[in-house]
């Protein structure tokens, strides 16, 4: 899930640079960030529940959560890049 979110976000950032005068890309990007935040939040909730209910799999679940959290600063950096290039 986290890798797919990263891939789509990166694709939207590249499209922003390719089509610099397109407000549609920025609008789609904003909606994508909101939807992605919701979906990744639900995924994090699932990982928390799995961490509690599956103590034998905790190292793997913790790794997945760290990968999921890695998207937060990446999204912030992408957001700053878009804001400064508008």
PDB file of N, CA and C in Angstrom:
ATOM      1  N   UNK A   1       0.822  -1.194   0.000  1.00  0.00           N
ATOM      2  CA  UNK A   1       0.000   0.000   0.000  1.00  0.00           C
ATOM      3  C   UNK A   1       0.864   1.255   0.000  1.00  0.00           C
ATOM      4  N   UNK A   2       1.873   1.279   0.843  1.00  0.00           N
ATOM      5  CA  UNK A   2       2.735   2.462   0.947  1.00  0.00           C
ATOM      6  C   UNK A   2       3.517   2.688  -0.339  1.00  0.00           C
ATOM      7  N   UNK A   3       3.967   1.620  -0.955  1.00  0.00           N
ATOM      8  CA  UNK A   3       4.743   1.748  -2.192  1.00  0.00           C
ATOM      9  C   UNK A   3       3.863   2.248  -3.325  1.00  0.00           C
ATOM     10  N   UNK A   4       2.628   1.783  -3.378  1.00  0.00           N
ATOM     11  CA  UNK A   4       1.689   2.251  -4.403  1.00  0.00           C
ATOM     12  C   UNK A   4       1.392   3.736  -4.199  1.00  0.00           C
ATOM     13  N   UNK A   5       1.177   4.140  -2.946  1.00  0.00           N
ATOM     14  CA  UNK A   5       0.937   5.559  -2.654  1.00  0.00           C
ATOM     15  C   UNK A   5       2.123   6.412  -3.077  1.00  0.00           C
ATOM     16  N   UNK A   6       3.328   5.943  -2.761  1.00  0.00           N
ATOM     17  CA  UNK A   6       4.536   6.662  -3.155  1.00  0.00           C
ATOM     18  C   UNK A   6       4.625   6.768  -4.674  1.00  0.00           C
ATOM     19  N   UNK A   7       4.345   5.671  -5.377  1.00  0.00           N
ATOM     20  CA  UNK A   7       4.421   5.668  -6.842  1.00  0.00           C
ATOM     21  C   UNK A   7       3.438   6.638  -7.477  1.00  0.00           C
ATOM     22  N   UNK A   8       2.210   6.636  -6.998  1.00  0.00           N
ATOM     23  CA  UNK A   8       1.203   7.540  -7.557  1.00  0.00           C
ATOM     24  C   UNK A   8       1.560   8.990  -7.250  1.00  0.00           C
ATOM     25  N   UNK A   9       2.013   9.256  -6.032  1.00  0.00           N
ATOM     26  CA  UNK A   9       2.419  10.616  -5.671  1.00  0.00           C
ATOM     27  C   UNK A   9       3.572  11.107  -6.526  1.00  0.00           C
ATOM     28  N   UNK A  10       4.549  10.238  -6.757  1.00  0.00           N
ATOM     29  CA  UNK A  10       5.688  10.606  -7.602  1.00  0.00           C
ATOM     30  C   UNK A  10       5.241  10.853  -9.038  1.00  0.00           C
ATOM     31  N   UNK A  11       4.331  10.028  -9.534  1.00  0.00           N
ATOM     32  CA  UNK A  11       3.802  10.219 -10.885  1.00  0.00           C
ATOM     33  C   UNK A  11       3.090  11.567 -11.002  1.00  0.00           C
ATOM     34  N   UNK A  12       2.297  11.915  -9.993  1.00  0.00           N
ATOM     35  CA  UNK A  12       1.620  13.213 -10.019  1.00  0.00           C
ATOM     36  C   UNK A  12       2.614  14.366  -9.975  1.00  0.00           C
ATOM     37  N   UNK A  13       3.687  14.208  -9.194  1.00  0.00           N
ATOM     38  CA  UNK A  13       4.714  15.258  -9.152  1.00  0.00           C
ATOM     39  C   UNK A  13       5.381  15.410 -10.521  1.00  0.00           C
ATOM     40  N   UNK A  14       5.703  14.305 -11.162  1.00  0.00           N
ATOM     41  CA  UNK A  14       6.310  14.368 -12.498  1.00  0.00           C
ATOM     42  C   UNK A  14       5.353  14.996 -13.505  1.00  0.00           C
ATOM     43  N   UNK A  15       4.068  14.641 -13.416  1.00  0.00           N
ATOM     44  CA  UNK A  15       3.081  15.251 -14.319  1.00  0.00           C
ATOM     45  C   UNK A  15       2.973  16.755 -14.068  1.00  0.00           C
ATOM     46  N   UNK A  16       3.129  17.170 -12.836  1.00  0.00           N
ATOM     47  CA  UNK A  16       3.109  18.602 -12.522  1.00  0.00           C
ATOM     48  C   UNK A  16       4.249  19.327 -13.240  1.00  0.00           C
ATOM     49  N   UNK A  17       5.426  18.688 -13.295  1.00  0.00           N
ATOM     50  CA  UNK A  17       6.554  19.317 -13.983  1.00  0.00           C
ATOM     51  C   UNK A  17       6.397  19.260 -15.500  1.00  0.00           C
ATOM     52  N   UNK A  18       5.779  18.222 -16.004  1.00  0.00           N
ATOM     53  CA  UNK A  18       5.584  18.099 -17.451  1.00  0.00           C
ATOM     54  C   UNK A  18       4.536  19.098 -17.938  1.00  0.00           C
ATOM     55  N   UNK A  19       3.428  19.203 -17.208  1.00  0.00           N
ATOM     56  CA  UNK A  19       2.332  20.104 -17.571  1.00  0.00           C
ATOM     57  C   UNK A  19       2.263  21.249 -16.562  1.00  0.00           C
ATOM     58  N   UNK A  20       3.241  22.140 -16.599  1.00  0.00           N
ATOM     59  CA  UNK A  20       3.366  23.193 -15.584  1.00  0.00           C
ATOM     60  C   UNK A  20       2.168  24.131 -15.530  1.00  0.00           C
ATOM     61  N   UNK A  21       1.499  24.345 -16.622  1.00  0.00           N
ATOM     62  CA  UNK A  21       0.390  25.293 -16.645  1.00  0.00           C
ATOM     63  C   UNK A  21      -0.962  24.626 -16.387  1.00  0.00           C
ATOM     64  N   UNK A  22      -0.960  23.374 -15.991  1.00  0.00           N
ATOM     65  CA  UNK A  22      -2.211  22.649 -15.786  1.00  0.00           C
ATOM     66  C   UNK A  22      -2.633  22.695 -14.321  1.00  0.00           C
ATOM     67  N   UNK A  23      -3.729  23.403 -14.073  1.00  0.00           N
ATOM     68  CA  UNK A  23      -4.284  23.449 -12.721  1.00  0.00           C
ATOM     69  C   UNK A  23      -4.964  22.134 -12.363  1.00  0.00           C
ATOM     70  N   UNK A  24      -5.322  21.360 -13.377  1.00  0.00           N
ATOM     71  CA  UNK A  24      -5.988  20.077 -13.126  1.00  0.00           C
ATOM     72  C   UNK A  24      -5.074  19.133 -12.366  1.00  0.00           C
ATOM     73  N   UNK A  25      -3.790  19.120 -12.709  1.00  0.00           N
ATOM     74  CA  UNK A  25      -2.833  18.241 -12.027  1.00  0.00           C
ATOM     75  C   UNK A  25      -2.741  18.619 -10.548  1.00  0.00           C
ATOM     76  N   UNK A  26      -2.713  19.901 -10.251  1.00  0.00           N
ATOM     77  CA  UNK A  26      -2.640  20.353  -8.858  1.00  0.00           C
ATOM     78  C   UNK A  26      -3.916  19.952  -8.116  1.00  0.00           C
ATOM     79  N   UNK A  27      -5.063  20.134  -8.747  1.00  0.00           N
ATOM     80  CA  UNK A  27      -6.335  19.768  -8.123  1.00  0.00           C
ATOM     81  C   UNK A  27      -6.399  18.264  -7.869  1.00  0.00           C
ATOM     82  N   UNK A  28      -6.023  17.477  -8.853  1.00  0.00           N
ATOM     83  CA  UNK A  28      -6.001  16.021  -8.681  1.00  0.00           C
ATOM     84  C   UNK A  28      -5.033  15.649  -7.566  1.00  0.00           C
ATOM     85  N   UNK A  29      -3.891  16.315  -7.513  1.00  0.00           N
ATOM     86  CA  UNK A  29      -2.902  16.046  -6.474  1.00  0.00           C
ATOM     87  C   UNK A  29      -3.434  16.325  -5.081  1.00  0.00           C
ATOM     88  N   UNK A  30      -4.164  17.413  -4.931  1.00  0.00           N
ATOM     89  CA  UNK A  30      -4.732  17.744  -3.622  1.00  0.00           C
ATOM     90  C   UNK A  30      -5.750  16.689  -3.209  1.00  0.00           C
ATOM     91  N   UNK A  31      -6.620  16.311  -4.127  1.00  0.00           N
ATOM     92  CA  UNK A  31      -7.586  15.259  -3.809  1.00  0.00           C
ATOM     93  C   UNK A  31      -6.889  13.931  -3.529  1.00  0.00           C
ATOM     94  N   UNK A  32      -5.842  13.656  -4.276  1.00  0.00           N
ATOM     95  CA  UNK A  32      -5.104  12.413  -4.056  1.00  0.00           C
ATOM     96  C   UNK A  32      -4.490  12.381  -2.653  1.00  0.00           C
ATOM     97  N   UNK A  33      -3.907  13.486  -2.227  1.00  0.00           N
ATOM     98  CA  UNK A  33      -3.299  13.537  -0.892  1.00  0.00           C
ATOM     99  C   UNK A  33      -4.369  13.294   0.177  1.00  0.00           C
ATOM    100  N   UNK A  34      -5.536  13.901   0.018  1.00  0.00           N
ATOM    101  CA  UNK A  34      -6.604  13.708   0.998  1.00  0.00           C
ATOM    102  C   UNK A  34      -7.093  12.264   1.031  1.00  0.00           C
ATOM    103  N   UNK A  35      -7.322  11.697  -0.133  1.00  0.00           N
ATOM    104  CA  UNK A  35      -7.788  10.304  -0.206  1.00  0.00           C
ATOM    105  C   UNK A  35      -6.705   9.354   0.288  1.00  0.00           C
ATOM    106  N   UNK A  36      -5.477   9.614  -0.101  1.00  0.00           N
ATOM    107  CA  UNK A  36      -4.364   8.776   0.329  1.00  0.00           C
ATOM    108  C   UNK A  36      -4.186   8.842   1.841  1.00  0.00           C
ATOM    109  N   UNK A  37      -4.360  10.028   2.429  1.00  0.00           N
ATOM    110  CA  UNK A  37      -4.272  10.181   3.874  1.00  0.00           C
ATOM    111  C   UNK A  37      -5.311   9.303   4.569  1.00  0.00           C
ATOM    112  N   UNK A  38      -6.523   9.300   4.046  1.00  0.00           N
ATOM    113  CA  UNK A  38      -7.591   8.492   4.618  1.00  0.00           C
ATOM    114  C   UNK A  38      -7.280   6.995   4.497  1.00  0.00           C
ATOM    115  N   UNK A  39      -6.897   6.567   3.312  1.00  0.00           N
ATOM    116  CA  UNK A  39      -6.622   5.147   3.081  1.00  0.00           C
ATOM    117  C   UNK A  39      -5.414   4.694   3.899  1.00  0.00           C
ATOM    118  N   UNK A  40      -4.348   5.481   3.900  1.00  0.00           N
ATOM    119  CA  UNK A  40      -3.165   5.102   4.674  1.00  0.00           C
ATOM    120  C   UNK A  40      -3.452   5.146   6.173  1.00  0.00           C
ATOM    121  N   UNK A  41      -4.321   6.039   6.604  1.00  0.00           N
ATOM    122  CA  UNK A  41      -4.729   6.067   8.010  1.00  0.00           C
ATOM    123  C   UNK A  41      -5.469   4.798   8.402  1.00  0.00           C
ATOM    124  N   UNK A  42      -6.345   4.332   7.504  1.00  0.00           N
ATOM    125  CA  UNK A  42      -7.038   3.072   7.760  1.00  0.00           C
ATOM    126  C   UNK A  42      -6.065   1.898   7.771  1.00  0.00           C
ATOM    127  N   UNK A  43      -5.085   1.947   6.886  1.00  0.00           N
ATOM    128  CA  UNK A  43      -4.073   0.895   6.864  1.00  0.00           C
ATOM    129  C   UNK A  43      -3.260   0.908   8.158  1.00  0.00           C
ATOM    130  N   UNK A  44      -2.935   2.086   8.651  1.00  0.00           N
ATOM    131  CA  UNK A  44      -2.203   2.181   9.909  1.00  0.00           C
ATOM    132  C   UNK A  44      -3.041   1.612  11.055  1.00  0.00           C
ATOM    133  N   UNK A  45      -4.327   1.898  11.059  1.00  0.00           N
ATOM    134  CA  UNK A  45      -5.218   1.343  12.076  1.00  0.00           C
ATOM    135  C   UNK A  45      -5.222  -0.180  12.013  1.00  0.00           C
ATOM    136  N   UNK A  46      -5.262  -0.731  10.818  1.00  0.00           N
ATOM    137  CA  UNK A  46      -5.208  -2.185  10.647  1.00  0.00           C
ATOM    138  C   UNK A  46      -3.889  -2.738  11.167  1.00  0.00           C
ATOM    139  N   UNK A  47      -2.794  -2.051  10.883  1.00  0.00           N
ATOM    140  CA  UNK A  47      -1.489  -2.510  11.370  1.00  0.00           C
ATOM    141  C   UNK A  47      -1.420  -2.464  12.897  1.00  0.00           C
ATOM    142  N   UNK A  48      -2.012  -1.464  13.497  1.00  0.00           N
ATOM    143  CA  UNK A  48      -2.034  -1.378  14.958  1.00  0.00           C
ATOM    144  C   UNK A  48      -2.823  -2.548  15.543  1.00  0.00           C
ATOM    145  N   UNK A  49      -3.966  -2.822  14.944  1.00  0.00           N
ATOM    146  CA  UNK A  49      -4.776  -3.959  15.409  1.00  0.00           C
ATOM    147  C   UNK A  49      -4.012  -5.271  15.228  1.00  0.00           C
ATOM    148  N   UNK A  50      -3.364  -5.436  14.071  1.00  0.00           N
ATOM    149  CA  UNK A  50      -2.564  -6.648  13.833  1.00  0.00           C
ATOM    150  C   UNK A  50      -1.418  -6.749  14.827  1.00  0.00           C
ATOM    151  N   UNK A  51      -0.783  -5.625  15.157  1.00  0.00           N
ATOM    152  CA  UNK A  51       0.332  -5.627  16.101  1.00  0.00           C
ATOM    153  C   UNK A  51      -0.126  -6.116  17.478  1.00  0.00           C
ATOM    154  N   UNK A  52      -1.345  -5.722  17.850  1.00  0.00           N
ATOM    155  CA  UNK A  52      -1.892  -6.130  19.146  1.00  0.00           C
ATOM    156  C   UNK A  52      -2.304  -7.603  19.127  1.00  0.00           C
ATOM    157  N   UNK A  53      -2.942  -8.027  18.048  1.00  0.00           N
ATOM    158  CA  UNK A  53      -3.513  -9.377  18.014  1.00  0.00           C
ATOM    159  C   UNK A  53      -2.552 -10.450  17.530  1.00  0.00           C
ATOM    160  N   UNK A  54      -1.453 -10.062  16.901  1.00  0.00           N
ATOM    161  CA  UNK A  54      -0.505 -11.040  16.360  1.00  0.00           C
ATOM    162  C   UNK A  54       0.903 -10.772  16.892  1.00  0.00           C
ATOM    163  N   UNK A  55       1.155 -11.123  18.150  1.00  0.00           N
ATOM    164  CA  UNK A  55       2.464 -10.813  18.736  1.00  0.00           C
ATOM    165  C   UNK A  55       3.641 -11.503  18.044  1.00  0.00           C
ATOM    166  N   UNK A  56       3.409 -12.625  17.389  1.00  0.00           N
ATOM    167  CA  UNK A  56       4.508 -13.317  16.715  1.00  0.00           C
ATOM    168  C   UNK A  56       4.961 -12.595  15.444  1.00  0.00           C
ATOM    169  N   UNK A  57       4.098 -11.785  14.879  1.00  0.00           N
ATOM    170  CA  UNK A  57       4.410 -11.080  13.629  1.00  0.00           C
ATOM    171  C   UNK A  57       4.783  -9.614  13.857  1.00  0.00           C
ATOM    172  N   UNK A  58       5.041  -9.233  15.074  1.00  0.00           N
ATOM    173  CA  UNK A  58       5.304  -7.823  15.378  1.00  0.00           C
ATOM    174  C   UNK A  58       6.473  -7.226  14.602  1.00  0.00           C
ATOM    175  N   UNK A  59       7.596  -7.914  14.452  1.00  0.00           N
ATOM    176  CA  UNK A  59       8.681  -7.285  13.675  1.00  0.00           C
ATOM    177  C   UNK A  59       8.275  -6.944  12.241  1.00  0.00           C
ATOM    178  N   UNK A  60       7.553  -7.844  11.601  1.00  0.00           N
ATOM    179  CA  UNK A  60       7.105  -7.586  10.229  1.00  0.00           C
ATOM    180  C   UNK A  60       6.087  -6.445  10.198  1.00  0.00           C
ATOM    181  N   UNK A  61       5.179  -6.415  11.149  1.00  0.00           N
ATOM    182  CA  UNK A  61       4.168  -5.358  11.207  1.00  0.00           C
ATOM    183  C   UNK A  61       4.827  -4.011  11.476  1.00  0.00           C
ATOM    184  N   UNK A  62       5.822  -3.983  12.355  1.00  0.00           N
ATOM    185  CA  UNK A  62       6.540  -2.743  12.640  1.00  0.00           C
ATOM    186  C   UNK A  62       7.268  -2.235  11.406  1.00  0.00           C
ATOM    187  N   UNK A  63       7.842  -3.135  10.630  1.00  0.00           N
ATOM    188  CA  UNK A  63       8.521  -2.753   9.388  1.00  0.00           C
ATOM    189  C   UNK A  63       7.525  -2.137   8.408  1.00  0.00           C
ATOM    190  N   UNK A  64       6.348  -2.758   8.289  1.00  0.00           N
ATOM    191  CA  UNK A  64       5.323  -2.222   7.396  1.00  0.00           C
ATOM    192  C   UNK A  64       4.864  -0.837   7.849  1.00  0.00           C
ATOM    193  N   UNK A  65       4.742  -0.647   9.156  1.00  0.00           N
ATOM    194  CA  UNK A  65       4.324   0.652   9.678  1.00  0.00           C
ATOM    195  C   UNK A  65       5.381   1.725   9.399  1.00  0.00           C
ATOM    196  N   UNK A  66       6.655   1.358   9.527  1.00  0.00           N
ATOM    197  CA  UNK A  66       7.726   2.320   9.230  1.00  0.00           C
ATOM    198  C   UNK A  66       7.719   2.724   7.759  1.00  0.00           C
ATOM    199  N   UNK A  67       7.486   1.779   6.891  1.00  0.00           N
ATOM    200  CA  UNK A  67       7.391   2.093   5.455  1.00  0.00           C
ATOM    201  C   UNK A  67       6.204   3.015   5.209  1.00  0.00           C
ATOM    202  N   UNK A  68       5.096   2.729   5.872  1.00  0.00           N
ATOM    203  CA  UNK A  68       3.908   3.571   5.735  1.00  0.00           C
ATOM    204  C   UNK A  68       4.188   4.989   6.228  1.00  0.00           C
ATOM    205  N   UNK A  69       4.871   5.110   7.375  1.00  0.00           N
ATOM    206  CA  UNK A  69       5.205   6.428   7.923  1.00  0.00           C
ATOM    207  C   UNK A  69       6.206   7.183   7.050  1.00  0.00           C
ATOM    208  N   UNK A  70       7.012   6.482   6.283  1.00  0.00           N
ATOM    209  CA  UNK A  70       7.992   7.138   5.419  1.00  0.00           C
ATOM    210  C   UNK A  70       7.310   8.018   4.376  1.00  0.00           C
ATOM    211  N   UNK A  71       6.071   7.724   4.054  1.00  0.00           N
ATOM    212  CA  UNK A  71       5.352   8.526   3.069  1.00  0.00           C
ATOM    213  C   UNK A  71       5.014   9.920   3.589  1.00  0.00           C
ATOM    214  N   UNK A  72       4.941  10.093   4.890  1.00  0.00           N
ATOM    215  CA  UNK A  72       4.555  11.395   5.442  1.00  0.00           C
ATOM    216  C   UNK A  72       5.577  12.476   5.084  1.00  0.00           C
ATOM    217  N   UNK A  73       6.872  12.313   5.396  1.00  0.00           N
ATOM    218  CA  UNK A  73       7.810  13.371   5.007  1.00  0.00           C
ATOM    219  C   UNK A  73       7.974  13.496   3.497  1.00  0.00           C
ATOM    220  N   UNK A  74       7.850  12.392   2.780  1.00  0.00           N
ATOM    221  CA  UNK A  74       7.949  12.456   1.318  1.00  0.00           C
ATOM    222  C   UNK A  74       6.812  13.307   0.764  1.00  0.00           C
ATOM    223  N   UNK A  75       5.599  13.079   1.277  1.00  0.00           N
ATOM    224  CA  UNK A  75       4.451  13.875   0.831  1.00  0.00           C
ATOM    225  C   UNK A  75       4.654  15.347   1.154  1.00  0.00           C
ATOM    226  N   UNK A  76       5.191  15.642   2.327  1.00  0.00           N
ATOM    227  CA  UNK A  76       5.437  17.026   2.718  1.00  0.00           C
ATOM    228  C   UNK A  76       6.440  17.693   1.785  1.00  0.00           C
ATOM    229  N   UNK A  77       7.511  16.987   1.446  1.00  0.00           N
ATOM    230  CA  UNK A  77       8.521  17.531   0.530  1.00  0.00           C
ATOM    231  C   UNK A  77       7.914  17.750  -0.855  1.00  0.00           C
ATOM    232  N   UNK A  78       7.133  16.792  -1.351  1.00  0.00           N
ATOM    233  CA  UNK A  78       6.473  16.959  -2.649  1.00  0.00           C
ATOM    234  C   UNK A  78       5.543  18.162  -2.622  1.00  0.00           C
ATOM    235  N   UNK A  79       4.809  18.338  -1.521  1.00  0.00           N
ATOM    236  CA  UNK A  79       3.905  19.473  -1.383  1.00  0.00           C
ATOM    237  C   UNK A  79       4.676  20.787  -1.454  1.00  0.00           C
ATOM    238  N   UNK A  80       5.796  20.869  -0.748  1.00  0.00           N
ATOM    239  CA  UNK A  80       6.614  22.078  -0.783  1.00  0.00           C
ATOM    240  C   UNK A  80       7.145  22.345  -2.184  1.00  0.00           C
ATOM    241  N   UNK A  81       7.570  21.303  -2.870  1.00  0.00           N
ATOM    242  CA  UNK A  81       8.068  21.465  -4.236  1.00  0.00           C
ATOM    243  C   UNK A  81       6.978  22.047  -5.131  1.00  0.00           C
ATOM    244  N   UNK A  82       5.775  21.522  -5.022  1.00  0.00           N
ATOM    245  CA  UNK A  82       4.676  22.017  -5.858  1.00  0.00           C
ATOM    246  C   UNK A  82       4.343  23.464  -5.498  1.00  0.00           C
ATOM    247  N   UNK A  83       4.279  23.779  -4.229  1.00  0.00           N
ATOM    248  CA  UNK A  83       3.941  25.145  -3.810  1.00  0.00           C
ATOM    249  C   UNK A  83       4.974  26.145  -4.326  1.00  0.00           C
ATOM    250  N   UNK A  84       6.252  25.792  -4.235  1.00  0.00           N
ATOM    251  CA  UNK A  84       7.300  26.728  -4.666  1.00  0.00           C
ATOM    252  C   UNK A  84       7.458  26.810  -6.177  1.00  0.00           C
ATOM    253  N   UNK A  85       6.891  25.874  -6.903  1.00  0.00           N
ATOM    254  CA  UNK A  85       6.997  25.933  -8.365  1.00  0.00           C
ATOM    255  C   UNK A  85       5.728  26.498  -9.027  1.00  0.00           C
ATOM    256  N   UNK A  86       4.738  26.852  -8.234  1.00  0.00           N
ATOM    257  CA  UNK A  86       3.508  27.420  -8.830  1.00  0.00           C
ATOM    258  C   UNK A  86       3.733  28.835  -9.283  1.00  0.00           C
TER     259      UNK A  86
END
